[in-house]
Structure formats: structure tokens, C-alpha cells
PDB file of N, CA and C in Angstrom:
ATOM      1  N   MET A   1     -17.180  -3.351  48.552  1.00  0.00           N
ATOM      2  CA  MET A   1     -16.024  -3.661  49.365  1.00  0.00           C
ATOM      3  C   MET A   1     -15.180  -4.696  48.618  1.00  0.00           C
ATOM      4  N   ALA A   2     -13.908  -4.475  48.505  1.00  0.00           N
ATOM      5  CA  ALA A   2     -13.012  -5.386  47.800  1.00  0.00           C
ATOM      6  C   ALA A   2     -12.853  -6.683  48.576  1.00  0.00           C
ATOM      7  N   SER A   3     -12.536  -7.763  47.862  1.00  0.00           N
ATOM      8  CA  SER A   3     -12.394  -9.057  48.530  1.00  0.00           C
ATOM      9  C   SER A   3     -11.265  -9.031  49.550  1.00  0.00           C
ATOM     10  N   ASP A   4     -10.220  -8.220  49.308  1.00  0.00           N
ATOM     11  CA  ASP A   4      -9.134  -8.084  50.290  1.00  0.00           C
ATOM     12  C   ASP A   4      -9.656  -7.484  51.580  1.00  0.00           C
ATOM     13  N   ASP A   5     -10.552  -6.504  51.467  1.00  0.00           N
ATOM     14  CA  ASP A   5     -11.143  -5.882  52.655  1.00  0.00           C
ATOM     15  C   ASP A   5     -11.997  -6.880  53.422  1.00  0.00           C
ATOM     16  N   VAL A   6     -12.746  -7.688  52.694  1.00  0.00           N
ATOM     17  CA  VAL A   6     -13.588  -8.707  53.330  1.00  0.00           C
ATOM     18  C   VAL A   6     -12.712  -9.706  54.071  1.00  0.00           C
ATOM     19  N   GLU A   7     -11.647 -10.147  53.435  1.00  0.00           N
ATOM     20  CA  GLU A   7     -10.711 -11.095  54.054  1.00  0.00           C
ATOM     21  C   GLU A   7     -10.101 -10.489  55.325  1.00  0.00           C
ATOM     22  N   LEU A   8      -9.738  -9.226  55.251  1.00  0.00           N
ATOM     23  CA  LEU A   8      -9.160  -8.537  56.401  1.00  0.00           C
ATOM     24  C   LEU A   8     -10.153  -8.475  57.552  1.00  0.00           C
ATOM     25  N   LEU A   9     -11.380  -8.081  57.269  1.00  0.00           N
ATOM     26  CA  LEU A   9     -12.387  -7.974  58.317  1.00  0.00           C
ATOM     27  C   LEU A   9     -12.724  -9.331  58.914  1.00  0.00           C
ATOM     28  N   LYS A  10     -12.822 -10.364  58.075  1.00  0.00           N
ATOM     29  CA  LYS A  10     -13.079 -11.712  58.589  1.00  0.00           C
ATOM     30  C   LYS A  10     -11.942 -12.157  59.501  1.00  0.00           C
ATOM     31  N   CYS A  11     -10.738 -11.838  59.098  1.00  0.00           N
ATOM     32  CA  CYS A  11      -9.570 -12.206  59.887  1.00  0.00           C
ATOM     33  C   CYS A  11      -9.594 -11.506  61.244  1.00  0.00           C
ATOM     34  N   LEU A  12      -9.919 -10.235  61.256  1.00  0.00           N
ATOM     35  CA  LEU A  12      -9.918  -9.465  62.502  1.00  0.00           C
ATOM     36  C   LEU A  12     -11.116  -9.783  63.391  1.00  0.00           C
ATOM     37  N   ALA A  13     -12.090 -10.508  62.852  1.00  0.00           N
ATOM     38  CA  ALA A  13     -13.232 -10.926  63.674  1.00  0.00           C
ATOM     39  C   ALA A  13     -12.843 -12.072  64.608  1.00  0.00           C
ATOM     40  N   ASP A  14     -11.714 -12.712  64.325  1.00  0.00           N
ATOM     41  CA  ASP A  14     -11.213 -13.803  65.155  1.00  0.00           C
ATOM     42  C   ASP A  14     -10.428 -13.219  66.320  1.00  0.00           C
ATOM     43  N   GLN A  15     -10.832 -13.530  67.542  1.00  0.00           N
ATOM     44  CA  GLN A  15     -10.185 -12.962  68.723  1.00  0.00           C
ATOM     45  C   GLN A  15      -8.715 -13.330  68.799  1.00  0.00           C
ATOM     46  N   ALA A  16      -8.362 -14.561  68.438  1.00  0.00           N
ATOM     47  CA  ALA A  16      -6.955 -14.970  68.490  1.00  0.00           C
ATOM     48  C   ALA A  16      -6.124 -14.125  67.524  1.00  0.00           C
ATOM     49  N   ALA A  17      -6.638 -13.919  66.316  1.00  0.00           N
ATOM     50  CA  ALA A  17      -5.917 -13.112  65.330  1.00  0.00           C
ATOM     51  C   ALA A  17      -5.759 -11.679  65.818  1.00  0.00           C
ATOM     52  N   LEU A  18      -6.808 -11.138  66.387  1.00  0.00           N
ATOM     53  CA  LEU A  18      -6.748  -9.770  66.903  1.00  0.00           C
ATOM     54  C   LEU A  18      -5.751  -9.667  68.054  1.00  0.00           C
ATOM     55  N   ASP A  19      -5.724 -10.667  68.920  1.00  0.00           N
ATOM     56  CA  ASP A  19      -4.760 -10.682  70.026  1.00  0.00           C
ATOM     57  C   ASP A  19      -3.324 -10.772  69.510  1.00  0.00           C
ATOM     58  N   ILE A  20      -3.118 -11.560  68.456  1.00  0.00           N
ATOM     59  CA  ILE A  20      -1.784 -11.679  67.863  1.00  0.00           C
ATOM     60  C   ILE A  20      -1.346 -10.344  67.278  1.00  0.00           C
ATOM     61  N   VAL A  21      -2.226  -9.698  66.542  1.00  0.00           N
ATOM     62  CA  VAL A  21      -1.888  -8.395  65.955  1.00  0.00           C
ATOM     63  C   VAL A  21      -1.575  -7.397  67.066  1.00  0.00           C
ATOM     64  N   ARG A  22      -2.381  -7.387  68.099  1.00  0.00           N
ATOM     65  CA  ARG A  22      -2.157  -6.477  69.227  1.00  0.00           C
ATOM     66  C   ARG A  22      -0.791  -6.757  69.860  1.00  0.00           C
ATOM     67  N   LEU A  23      -0.460  -8.031  70.043  1.00  0.00           N
ATOM     68  CA  LEU A  23       0.835  -8.410  70.620  1.00  0.00           C
ATOM     69  C   LEU A  23       1.986  -7.933  69.741  1.00  0.00           C
ATOM     70  N   LEU A  24       1.877  -8.173  68.434  1.00  0.00           N
ATOM     71  CA  LEU A  24       2.942  -7.751  67.528  1.00  0.00           C
ATOM     72  C   LEU A  24       3.056  -6.230  67.454  1.00  0.00           C
ATOM     73  N   LEU A  25       1.937  -5.540  67.573  1.00  0.00           N
ATOM     74  CA  LEU A  25       1.971  -4.075  67.605  1.00  0.00           C
ATOM     75  C   LEU A  25       2.720  -3.574  68.836  1.00  0.00           C
ATOM     76  N   LEU A  26       2.448  -4.191  69.971  1.00  0.00           N
ATOM     77  CA  LEU A  26       3.026  -3.727  71.236  1.00  0.00           C
ATOM     78  C   LEU A  26       4.453  -4.200  71.464  1.00  0.00           C
ATOM     79  N   GLU A  27       4.748  -5.435  71.039  1.00  0.00           N
ATOM     80  CA  GLU A  27       6.035  -6.028  71.392  1.00  0.00           C
ATOM     81  C   GLU A  27       6.960  -6.288  70.209  1.00  0.00           C
ATOM     82  N   GLY A  28       6.472  -6.105  68.996  1.00  0.00           N
ATOM     83  CA  GLY A  28       7.305  -6.331  67.826  1.00  0.00           C
ATOM     84  C   GLY A  28       7.286  -7.778  67.366  1.00  0.00           C
ATOM     85  N   PRO A  29       8.145  -8.118  66.392  1.00  0.00           N
ATOM     86  CA  PRO A  29       8.158  -9.455  65.806  1.00  0.00           C
ATOM     87  C   PRO A  29       8.324 -10.558  66.854  1.00  0.00           C
ATOM     88  N   ALA A  30       7.681 -11.714  66.586  1.00  0.00           N
ATOM     89  CA  ALA A  30       7.758 -12.846  67.511  1.00  0.00           C
ATOM     90  C   ALA A  30       7.562 -14.144  66.750  1.00  0.00           C
ATOM     91  N   ARG A  31       8.188 -15.202  67.243  1.00  0.00           N
ATOM     92  CA  ARG A  31       8.014 -16.523  66.640  1.00  0.00           C
ATOM     93  C   ARG A  31       6.684 -17.121  67.085  1.00  0.00           C
ATOM     94  N   GLN A  32       6.210 -18.074  66.309  1.00  0.00           N
ATOM     95  CA  GLN A  32       4.903 -18.687  66.559  1.00  0.00           C
ATOM     96  C   GLN A  32       4.804 -19.267  67.963  1.00  0.00           C
ATOM     97  N   ARG A  33       5.802 -20.006  68.394  1.00  0.00           N
ATOM     98  CA  ARG A  33       5.738 -20.632  69.725  1.00  0.00           C
ATOM     99  C   ARG A  33       5.751 -19.576  70.832  1.00  0.00           C
ATOM    100  N   ASP A  34       6.476 -18.472  70.606  1.00  0.00           N
ATOM    101  CA  ASP A  34       6.498 -17.394  71.596  1.00  0.00           C
ATOM    102  C   ASP A  34       5.148 -16.697  71.673  1.00  0.00           C
ATOM    103  N   ILE A  35       4.500 -16.544  70.524  1.00  0.00           N
ATOM    104  CA  ILE A  35       3.158 -15.952  70.489  1.00  0.00           C
ATOM    105  C   ILE A  35       2.190 -16.834  71.265  1.00  0.00           C
ATOM    106  N   ALA A  36       2.250 -18.146  71.010  1.00  0.00           N
ATOM    107  CA  ALA A  36       1.361 -19.088  71.703  1.00  0.00           C
ATOM    108  C   ALA A  36       1.579 -19.030  73.217  1.00  0.00           C
ATOM    109  N   ALA A  37       2.831 -19.008  73.629  1.00  0.00           N
ATOM    110  CA  ALA A  37       3.142 -18.971  75.062  1.00  0.00           C
ATOM    111  C   ALA A  37       2.685 -17.654  75.680  1.00  0.00           C
ATOM    112  N   ARG A  38       2.978 -16.559  75.017  1.00  0.00           N
ATOM    113  CA  ARG A  38       2.646 -15.227  75.557  1.00  0.00           C
ATOM    114  C   ARG A  38       1.138 -15.031  75.688  1.00  0.00           C
ATOM    115  N   LEU A  39       0.373 -15.537  74.703  1.00  0.00           N
ATOM    116  CA  LEU A  39      -1.081 -15.353  74.710  1.00  0.00           C
ATOM    117  C   LEU A  39      -1.820 -16.525  75.355  1.00  0.00           C
ATOM    118  N   GLU A  40      -1.055 -17.554  75.753  1.00  0.00           N
ATOM    119  CA  GLU A  40      -1.646 -18.750  76.363  1.00  0.00           C
ATOM    120  C   GLU A  40      -2.701 -19.371  75.451  1.00  0.00           C
ATOM    121  N   LEU A  41      -2.327 -19.514  74.174  1.00  0.00           N
ATOM    122  CA  LEU A  41      -3.183 -20.129  73.171  1.00  0.00           C
ATOM    123  C   LEU A  41      -2.534 -21.423  72.695  1.00  0.00           C
ATOM    124  N   SER A  42      -3.346 -22.325  72.178  1.00  0.00           N
ATOM    125  CA  SER A  42      -2.804 -23.569  71.643  1.00  0.00           C
ATOM    126  C   SER A  42      -2.013 -23.284  70.370  1.00  0.00           C
ATOM    127  N   ALA A  43      -1.090 -24.184  70.065  1.00  0.00           N
ATOM    128  CA  ALA A  43      -0.296 -24.041  68.844  1.00  0.00           C
ATOM    129  C   ALA A  43      -1.195 -24.067  67.609  1.00  0.00           C
ATOM    130  N   VAL A  44      -2.250 -24.881  67.659  1.00  0.00           N
ATOM    131  CA  VAL A  44      -3.183 -24.980  66.534  1.00  0.00           C
ATOM    132  C   VAL A  44      -3.906 -23.646  66.317  1.00  0.00           C
ATOM    133  N   ALA A  45      -4.392 -23.042  67.401  1.00  0.00           N
ATOM    134  CA  ALA A  45      -5.114 -21.762  67.290  1.00  0.00           C
ATOM    135  C   ALA A  45      -4.206 -20.670  66.738  1.00  0.00           C
ATOM    136  N   VAL A  46      -2.966 -20.635  67.212  1.00  0.00           N
ATOM    137  CA  VAL A  46      -2.024 -19.617  66.740  1.00  0.00           C
ATOM    138  C   VAL A  46      -1.663 -19.869  65.274  1.00  0.00           C
ATOM    139  N   SER A  47      -1.427 -21.119  64.922  1.00  0.00           N
ATOM    140  CA  SER A  47      -1.093 -21.459  63.541  1.00  0.00           C
ATOM    141  C   SER A  47      -2.212 -21.058  62.584  1.00  0.00           C
ATOM    142  N   ARG A  48      -3.454 -21.366  62.957  1.00  0.00           N
ATOM    143  CA  ARG A  48      -4.609 -21.023  62.130  1.00  0.00           C
ATOM    144  C   ARG A  48      -4.745 -19.504  61.991  1.00  0.00           C
ATOM    145  N   ALA A  49      -4.608 -18.799  63.099  1.00  0.00           N
ATOM    146  CA  ALA A  49      -4.753 -17.341  63.066  1.00  0.00           C
ATOM    147  C   ALA A  49      -3.636 -16.702  62.241  1.00  0.00           C
ATOM    148  N   LEU A  50      -2.408 -17.188  62.412  1.00  0.00           N
ATOM    149  CA  LEU A  50      -1.292 -16.631  61.643  1.00  0.00           C
ATOM    150  C   LEU A  50      -1.449 -16.895  60.148  1.00  0.00           C
ATOM    151  N   ALA A  51      -1.951 -18.078  59.792  1.00  0.00           N
ATOM    152  CA  ALA A  51      -2.189 -18.380  58.374  1.00  0.00           C
ATOM    153  C   ALA A  51      -3.210 -17.413  57.786  1.00  0.00           C
ATOM    154  N   ASN A  52      -4.281 -17.146  58.536  1.00  0.00           N
ATOM    155  CA  ASN A  52      -5.292 -16.195  58.070  1.00  0.00           C
ATOM    156  C   ASN A  52      -4.722 -14.784  57.983  1.00  0.00           C
ATOM    157  N   LEU A  53      -3.909 -14.408  58.954  1.00  0.00           N
ATOM    158  CA  LEU A  53      -3.292 -13.084  58.944  1.00  0.00           C
ATOM    159  C   LEU A  53      -2.324 -12.940  57.764  1.00  0.00           C
ATOM    160  N   GLU A  54      -1.617 -14.012  57.448  1.00  0.00           N
ATOM    161  CA  GLU A  54      -0.718 -13.970  56.280  1.00  0.00           C
ATOM    162  C   GLU A  54      -1.506 -13.812  54.986  1.00  0.00           C
ATOM    163  N   ARG A  55      -2.602 -14.582  54.855  1.00  0.00           N
ATOM    164  CA  ARG A  55      -3.438 -14.472  53.651  1.00  0.00           C
ATOM    165  C   ARG A  55      -4.016 -13.070  53.498  1.00  0.00           C
ATOM    166  N   ALA A  56      -4.326 -12.436  54.619  1.00  0.00           N
ATOM    167  CA  ALA A  56      -4.897 -11.088  54.576  1.00  0.00           C
ATOM    168  C   ALA A  56      -3.823 -10.022  54.392  1.00  0.00           C
ATOM    169  N   GLY A  57      -2.547 -10.436  54.399  1.00  0.00           N
ATOM    170  CA  GLY A  57      -1.460  -9.481  54.192  1.00  0.00           C
ATOM    171  C   GLY A  57      -1.125  -8.656  55.414  1.00  0.00           C
ATOM    172  N   ILE A  58      -1.451  -9.158  56.594  1.00  0.00           N
ATOM    173  CA  ILE A  58      -1.211  -8.404  57.826  1.00  0.00           C
ATOM    174  C   ILE A  58       0.115  -8.770  58.458  1.00  0.00           C
ATOM    175  N   VAL A  59       0.517 -10.044  58.336  1.00  0.00           N
ATOM    176  CA  VAL A  59       1.802 -10.489  58.877  1.00  0.00           C
ATOM    177  C   VAL A  59       2.575 -11.221  57.802  1.00  0.00           C
ATOM    178  N   GLN A  60       3.871 -11.342  58.037  1.00  0.00           N
ATOM    179  CA  GLN A  60       4.712 -12.148  57.156  1.00  0.00           C
ATOM    180  C   GLN A  60       5.779 -12.820  57.992  1.00  0.00           C
ATOM    181  N   CYS A  61       6.285 -13.916  57.452  1.00  0.00           N
ATOM    182  CA  CYS A  61       7.350 -14.669  58.100  1.00  0.00           C
ATOM    183  C   CYS A  61       8.270 -15.161  56.993  1.00  0.00           C
ATOM    184  N   GLU A  62       9.564 -14.904  57.129  1.00  0.00           N
ATOM    185  CA  GLU A  62      10.528 -15.243  56.079  1.00  0.00           C
ATOM    186  C   GLU A  62      10.849 -16.735  56.034  1.00  0.00           C
ATOM    187  N   GLY A  63      10.736 -17.445  57.145  1.00  0.00           N
ATOM    188  CA  GLY A  63      11.052 -18.871  57.177  1.00  0.00           C
ATOM    189  C   GLY A  63      10.448 -19.514  58.405  1.00  0.00           C
ATOM    190  N   SER A  64      10.560 -20.829  58.494  1.00  0.00           N
ATOM    191  CA  SER A  64       9.886 -21.546  59.578  1.00  0.00           C
ATOM    192  C   SER A  64      10.402 -21.165  60.975  1.00  0.00           C
ATOM    193  N   ARG A  65      11.627 -20.727  61.078  1.00  0.00           N
ATOM    194  CA  ARG A  65      12.169 -20.338  62.386  1.00  0.00           C
ATOM    195  C   ARG A  65      12.256 -18.821  62.575  1.00  0.00           C
ATOM    196  N   SER A  66      11.793 -18.104  61.587  1.00  0.00           N
ATOM    197  CA  SER A  66      11.843 -16.639  61.644  1.00  0.00           C
ATOM    198  C   SER A  66      10.628 -16.108  62.398  1.00  0.00           C
ATOM    199  N   PRO A  67      10.764 -14.924  62.960  1.00  0.00           N
ATOM    200  CA  PRO A  67       9.619 -14.325  63.650  1.00  0.00           C
ATOM    201  C   PRO A  67       8.581 -13.775  62.661  1.00  0.00           C
ATOM    202  N   TYR A  68       7.352 -13.728  63.116  1.00  0.00           N
ATOM    203  CA  TYR A  68       6.284 -13.073  62.360  1.00  0.00           C
ATOM    204  C   TYR A  68       6.359 -11.587  62.651  1.00  0.00           C
ATOM    205  N   GLU A  69       6.103 -10.805  61.623  1.00  0.00           N
ATOM    206  CA  GLU A  69       6.082  -9.358  61.798  1.00  0.00           C
ATOM    207  C   GLU A  69       4.918  -8.761  61.017  1.00  0.00           C
ATOM    208  N   LEU A  70       4.482  -7.605  61.465  1.00  0.00           N
ATOM    209  CA  LEU A  70       3.382  -6.908  60.798  1.00  0.00           C
ATOM    210  C   LEU A  70       3.876  -6.319  59.488  1.00  0.00           C
ATOM    211  N   THR A  71       2.977  -6.315  58.491  1.00  0.00           N
ATOM    212  CA  THR A  71       3.374  -5.832  57.166  1.00  0.00           C
ATOM    213  C   THR A  71       2.421  -4.806  56.583  1.00  0.00           C
ATOM    214  N   PHE A  72       1.414  -4.416  57.307  1.00  0.00           N
ATOM    215  CA  PHE A  72       0.383  -3.583  56.691  1.00  0.00           C
ATOM    216  C   PHE A  72       0.735  -2.104  56.690  1.00  0.00           C
ATOM    217  N   ASP A  73       0.008  -1.372  55.856  1.00  0.00           N
ATOM    218  CA  ASP A  73       0.239   0.054  55.730  1.00  0.00           C
ATOM    219  C   ASP A  73      -0.554   0.836  56.785  1.00  0.00           C
ATOM    220  N   GLU A  74      -0.430   2.141  56.747  1.00  0.00           N
ATOM    221  CA  GLU A  74      -1.052   3.011  57.760  1.00  0.00           C
ATOM    222  C   GLU A  74      -2.576   2.889  57.787  1.00  0.00           C
ATOM    223  N   GLY A  75      -3.204   2.732  56.623  1.00  0.00           N
ATOM    224  CA  GLY A  75      -4.663   2.600  56.580  1.00  0.00           C
ATOM    225  C   GLY A  75      -5.133   1.352  57.285  1.00  0.00           C
ATOM    226  N   VAL A  76      -4.435   0.254  57.046  1.00  0.00           N
ATOM    227  CA  VAL A  76      -4.797  -0.996  57.717  1.00  0.00           C
ATOM    228  C   VAL A  76      -4.492  -0.887  59.207  1.00  0.00           C
ATOM    229  N   HIS A  77      -3.409  -0.204  59.548  1.00  0.00           N
ATOM    230  CA  HIS A  77      -3.067   0.002  60.962  1.00  0.00           C
ATOM    231  C   HIS A  77      -4.217   0.686  61.685  1.00  0.00           C
ATOM    232  N   SER A  78      -4.806   1.686  61.071  1.00  0.00           N
ATOM    233  CA  SER A  78      -5.947   2.384  61.664  1.00  0.00           C
ATOM    234  C   SER A  78      -7.140   1.455  61.835  1.00  0.00           C
ATOM    235  N   LEU A  79      -7.377   0.612  60.835  1.00  0.00           N
ATOM    236  CA  LEU A  79      -8.477  -0.333  60.904  1.00  0.00           C
ATOM    237  C   LEU A  79      -8.264  -1.348  62.023  1.00  0.00           C
ATOM    238  N   VAL A  80      -7.047  -1.849  62.143  1.00  0.00           N
ATOM    239  CA  VAL A  80      -6.729  -2.810  63.199  1.00  0.00           C
ATOM    240  C   VAL A  80      -6.888  -2.159  64.569  1.00  0.00           C
ATOM    241  N   ALA A  81      -6.416  -0.943  64.715  1.00  0.00           N
ATOM    242  CA  ALA A  81      -6.555  -0.233  65.986  1.00  0.00           C
ATOM    243  C   ALA A  81      -8.024  -0.021  66.327  1.00  0.00           C
ATOM    244  N   ALA A  82      -8.825   0.330  65.337  1.00  0.00           N
ATOM    245  CA  ALA A  82     -10.257   0.520  65.561  1.00  0.00           C
ATOM    246  C   ALA A  82     -10.926  -0.797  65.951  1.00  0.00           C
ATOM    247  N   ALA A  83     -10.554  -1.881  65.282  1.00  0.00           N
ATOM    248  CA  ALA A  83     -11.121  -3.197  65.615  1.00  0.00           C
ATOM    249  C   ALA A  83     -10.734  -3.597  67.028  1.00  0.00           C
ATOM    250  N   SER A  84      -9.523  -3.312  67.410  1.00  0.00           N
ATOM    251  CA  SER A  84      -9.058  -3.620  68.762  1.00  0.00           C
ATOM    252  C   SER A  84      -9.834  -2.810  69.804  1.00  0.00           C
ATOM    253  N   ASP A  85     -10.003  -1.522  69.534  1.00  0.00           N
ATOM    254  CA  ASP A  85     -10.778  -0.674  70.445  1.00  0.00           C
ATOM    255  C   ASP A  85     -12.217  -1.153  70.548  1.00  0.00           C
ATOM    256  N   LEU A  86     -12.803  -1.511  69.411  1.00  0.00           N
ATOM    257  CA  LEU A  86     -14.179  -1.991  69.394  1.00  0.00           C
ATOM    258  C   LEU A  86     -14.297  -3.287  70.179  1.00  0.00           C
ATOM    259  N   SER A  87     -13.345  -4.172  70.001  1.00  0.00           N
ATOM    260  CA  SER A  87     -13.336  -5.441  70.736  1.00  0.00           C
ATOM    261  C   SER A  87     -13.279  -5.190  72.241  1.00  0.00           C
ATOM    262  N   ASP A  88     -12.394  -4.292  72.660  1.00  0.00           N
ATOM    263  CA  ASP A  88     -12.302  -3.952  74.084  1.00  0.00           C
ATOM    264  C   ASP A  88     -13.609  -3.368  74.602  1.00  0.00           C
ATOM    265  N   PHE A  89     -14.221  -2.479  73.816  1.00  0.00           N
ATOM    266  CA  PHE A  89     -15.490  -1.860  74.217  1.00  0.00           C
ATOM    267  C   PHE A  89     -16.577  -2.915  74.385  1.00  0.00           C
ATOM    268  N   ILE A  90     -16.661  -3.828  73.423  1.00  0.00           N
ATOM    269  CA  ILE A  90     -17.693  -4.870  73.482  1.00  0.00           C
ATOM    270  C   ILE A  90     -17.488  -5.758  74.704  1.00  0.00           C
ATOM    271  N   LEU A  91     -16.253  -6.148  74.959  1.00  0.00           N
ATOM    272  CA  LEU A  91     -15.979  -6.992  76.116  1.00  0.00           C
ATOM    273  C   LEU A  91     -16.309  -6.274  77.428  1.00  0.00           C
ATOM    274  N   ARG A  92     -15.952  -4.988  77.522  1.00  0.00           N
ATOM    275  CA  ARG A  92     -16.291  -4.216  78.728  1.00  0.00           C
ATOM    276  C   ARG A  92     -17.799  -4.104  78.888  1.00  0.00           C
ATOM    277  N   ASP A  93     -18.498  -3.830  77.773  1.00  0.00           N
ATOM    278  CA  ASP A  93     -19.954  -3.692  77.818  1.00  0.00           C
ATOM    279  C   ASP A  93     -20.611  -4.993  78.258  1.00  0.00           C
ATOM    280  N   LYS A  94     -20.155  -6.118  77.716  1.00  0.00           N
ATOM    281  CA  LYS A  94     -20.702  -7.418  78.112  1.00  0.00           C
ATOM    282  C   LYS A  94     -20.454  -7.674  79.595  1.00  0.00           C
ATOM    283  N   SER A  95     -19.275  -7.329  80.057  1.00  0.00           N
ATOM    284  CA  SER A  95     -18.926  -7.532  81.462  1.00  0.00           C
ATOM    285  C   SER A  95     -19.801  -6.673  82.375  1.00  0.00           C
ATOM    286  N   GLU A  96     -19.997  -5.418  81.984  1.00  0.00           N
ATOM    287  CA  GLU A  96     -20.836  -4.527  82.782  1.00  0.00           C
ATOM    288  C   GLU A  96     -22.280  -5.012  82.818  1.00  0.00           C
ATOM    289  N   ARG A  97     -22.792  -5.466  81.665  1.00  0.00           N
ATOM    290  CA  ARG A  97     -24.166  -5.975  81.631  1.00  0.00           C
ATOM    291  C   ARG A  97     -24.306  -7.236  82.460  1.00  0.00           C
ATOM    292  N   ALA A  98     -23.293  -8.092  82.456  1.00  0.00           N
ATOM    293  CA  ALA A  98     -23.334  -9.310  83.261  1.00  0.00           C
ATOM    294  C   ALA A  98     -23.337  -8.963  84.750  1.00  0.00           C
ATOM    295  N   LYS A  99     -22.544  -7.971  85.145  1.00  0.00           N
ATOM    296  CA  LYS A  99     -22.518  -7.533  86.549  1.00  0.00           C
ATOM    297  C   LYS A  99     -23.870  -6.954  86.955  1.00  0.00           C
ATOM    298  N   GLN A 100     -24.462  -6.137  86.081  1.00  0.00           N
ATOM    299  CA  GLN A 100     -25.766  -5.559  86.381  1.00  0.00           C
ATOM    300  C   GLN A 100     -26.821  -6.649  86.545  1.00  0.00           C
ATOM    301  N   ARG A 101     -26.794  -7.630  85.660  1.00  0.00           N
ATOM    302  CA  ARG A 101     -27.759  -8.729  85.726  1.00  0.00           C
ATOM    303  C   ARG A 101     -27.574  -9.527  87.010  1.00  0.00           C
ATOM    304  N   ALA A 102     -26.318  -9.781  87.398  1.00  0.00           N
ATOM    305  CA  ALA A 102     -26.045 -10.504  88.643  1.00  0.00           C
ATOM    306  C   ALA A 102     -26.559  -9.720  89.842  1.00  0.00           C
ATOM    307  N   ASP A 103     -26.357  -8.406  89.827  1.00  0.00           N
ATOM    308  CA  ASP A 103     -26.863  -7.571  90.923  1.00  0.00           C
ATOM    309  C   ASP A 103     -28.386  -7.624  90.989  1.00  0.00           C
ATOM    310  N   GLU A 104     -29.037  -7.567  89.831  1.00  0.00           N
ATOM    311  CA  GLU A 104     -30.501  -7.633  89.792  1.00  0.00           C
ATOM    312  C   GLU A 104     -31.000  -8.966  90.349  1.00  0.00           C
ATOM    313  N   LEU A 105     -30.353 -10.043  89.968  1.00  0.00           N
ATOM    314  CA  LEU A 105     -30.753 -11.364  90.465  1.00  0.00           C
ATOM    315  C   LEU A 105     -30.520 -11.480  91.970  1.00  0.00           C
ATOM    316  N   ARG A 106     -29.393 -10.950  92.428  1.00  0.00           N
ATOM    317  CA  ARG A 106     -29.088 -10.977  93.864  1.00  0.00           C
ATOM    318  C   ARG A 106     -30.144 -10.184  94.644  1.00  0.00           C
ATOM    319  N   LYS A 107     -30.500  -9.009  94.144  1.00  0.00           N
ATOM    320  CA  LYS A 107     -31.510  -8.184  94.810  1.00  0.00           C
ATOM    321  C   LYS A 107     -32.869  -8.874  94.803  1.00  0.00           C
ATOM    322  N   ALA A 108     -33.208  -9.508  93.699  1.00  0.00           N
ATOM    323  CA  ALA A 108     -34.489 -10.220  93.610  1.00  0.00           C
ATOM    324  C   ALA A 108     -34.533 -11.365  94.617  1.00  0.00           C
ATOM    325  N   ARG A 109     -33.426 -12.092  94.768  1.00  0.00           N
ATOM    326  CA  ARG A 109     -33.372 -13.178  95.747  1.00  0.00           C
ATOM    327  C   ARG A 109     -33.507 -12.643  97.162  1.00  0.00           C
ATOM    328  N   MET A 110     -32.796 -11.544  97.437  1.00  0.00           N
ATOM    329  CA  MET A 110     -32.864 -10.940  98.772  1.00  0.00           C
ATOM    330  C   MET A 110     -34.276 -10.450  99.056  1.00  0.00           C
ATOM    331  N   SER A 111     -34.899  -9.844  98.077  1.00  0.00           N
ATOM    332  CA  SER A 111     -36.268  -9.355  98.241  1.00  0.00           C
ATOM    333  C   SER A 111     -37.214 -10.513  98.525  1.00  0.00           C
ATOM    334  N   GLY A 112     -37.044 -11.622  97.810  1.00  0.00           N
ATOM    335  CA  GLY A 112     -37.882 -12.802  98.030  1.00  0.00           C
ATOM    336  C   GLY A 112     -37.675 -13.382  99.412  1.00  0.00           C
ATOM    337  N   ARG A 113     -36.452 -13.412  99.909  1.00  0.00           N
ATOM    338  CA  ARG A 113     -36.159 -13.915 101.257  1.00  0.00           C
ATOM    339  C   ARG A 113     -36.777 -13.021 102.308  1.00  0.00           C
ATOM    340  N   GLN A 114     -36.655 -11.715 102.127  1.00  0.00           N
ATOM    341  CA  GLN A 114     -37.202 -10.779 103.095  1.00  0.00           C
ATOM    342  C   GLN A 114     -38.718 -10.925 103.169  1.00  0.00           C
ATOM    343  N   GLN A 115     -39.355 -11.080 102.038  1.00  0.00           N
ATOM    344  CA  GLN A 115     -40.806 -11.249 102.043  1.00  0.00           C
ATOM    345  C   GLN A 115     -41.193 -12.526 102.773  1.00  0.00           C
ATOM    346  N   ARG A 116     -40.442 -13.613 102.558  1.00  0.00           N
ATOM    347  CA  ARG A 116     -40.743 -14.865 103.261  1.00  0.00           C
ATOM    348  C   ARG A 116     -40.495 -14.707 104.749  1.00  0.00           C
ATOM    349  N   ASP A 117     -39.339 -14.083 105.120  1.00  0.00           N
ATOM    350  CA  ASP A 117     -38.984 -13.936 106.513  1.00  0.00           C
ATOM    351  C   ASP A 117     -39.941 -13.010 107.253  1.00  0.00           C
ATOM    352  N   TRP A 118     -40.385 -11.974 106.619  1.00  0.00           N
ATOM    353  CA  TRP A 118     -41.249 -10.996 107.271  1.00  0.00           C
ATOM    354  C   TRP A 118     -42.719 -11.355 107.138  1.00  0.00           C
ATOM    355  N   GLY A 119     -43.028 -12.307 106.316  1.00  0.00           N
ATOM    356  CA  GLY A 119     -44.428 -12.672 106.073  1.00  0.00           C
ATOM    357  C   GLY A 119     -45.154 -13.099 107.334  1.00  0.00           C
ATOM    358  N   GLY A 120     -44.475 -13.765 108.252  1.00  0.00           N
ATOM    359  CA  GLY A 120     -45.125 -14.237 109.482  1.00  0.00           C
ATOM    360  C   GLY A 120     -45.296 -13.157 110.515  1.00  0.00           C
ATOM    361  N   LEU A 121     -44.622 -12.012 110.365  1.00  0.00           N
ATOM    362  CA  LEU A 121     -44.687 -10.957 111.372  1.00  0.00           C
ATOM    363  C   LEU A 121     -45.901 -10.073 111.218  1.00  0.00           C
ATOM    364  N   GLU A 122     -46.527 -10.102 110.106  1.00  0.00           N
ATOM    365  CA  GLU A 122     -47.652  -9.175 109.854  1.00  0.00           C
ATOM    366  C   GLU A 122     -48.920  -9.665 110.490  1.00  0.00           C
TER     367      GLU A 122
END
């Protein structure tokens, strides 16, 4: 794997960077402060993510007041889309597992209460 590919994958492993790419894909070019406001991220987090995205060749900005825009080719676009889909899948899976675990704990508590409550009736 080329070092550029490694840099790209490391960059996309950051949720803030992935959210920024997703935002720019959906809404087009945006300034740093607008990205921070739209994603409800700190200026530091957005600045760090944008710097990493620039190093990876995913975004570019012509000047300090210019908007950031995506710069990658079709192959990278596919990779970013796949990473975004994978991220969504993982988050949904974690959420579903957390709900299942909560249901199991709730049922276990209810079962324990019923046994205590019914224990004197036997």
C-alpha cells in the first residue's frame, strides 16, 4: 500500500474528517467556520481535520477566507463513500447491540423482581 493510501485511510478513520468530507460532498464548498457551525464541532477539531484532509489531498483551500472544496478523483470518491457507508453501518450496529443489551438487562431485572415478589406465595 502506498504511503498516500495509508495517509488517506488514517485521515478517513477520524470521524470529524469523515463528517467534513460528507458535508462537502452533500453541500459543496464551505469555509472552516461554517463547517464547524454546521457540524457543531470545535474550531480546533475542524482545523486539525482539514489540515489532515489537505495533506491527504482530499480538500483544498485557495486562501484563508476561501472555502474548502473536495479535490479527489473518482477512485478516492468511491473509497470515501465506502468509508462513510462503513462508518454508518458500524454506528448502527453498535446502537442495535446497545439496545439489545439494555433490553436483556431490563428483562433480567424484571425476572429478579418477579422471583422476589412471587417467592413468598409458594
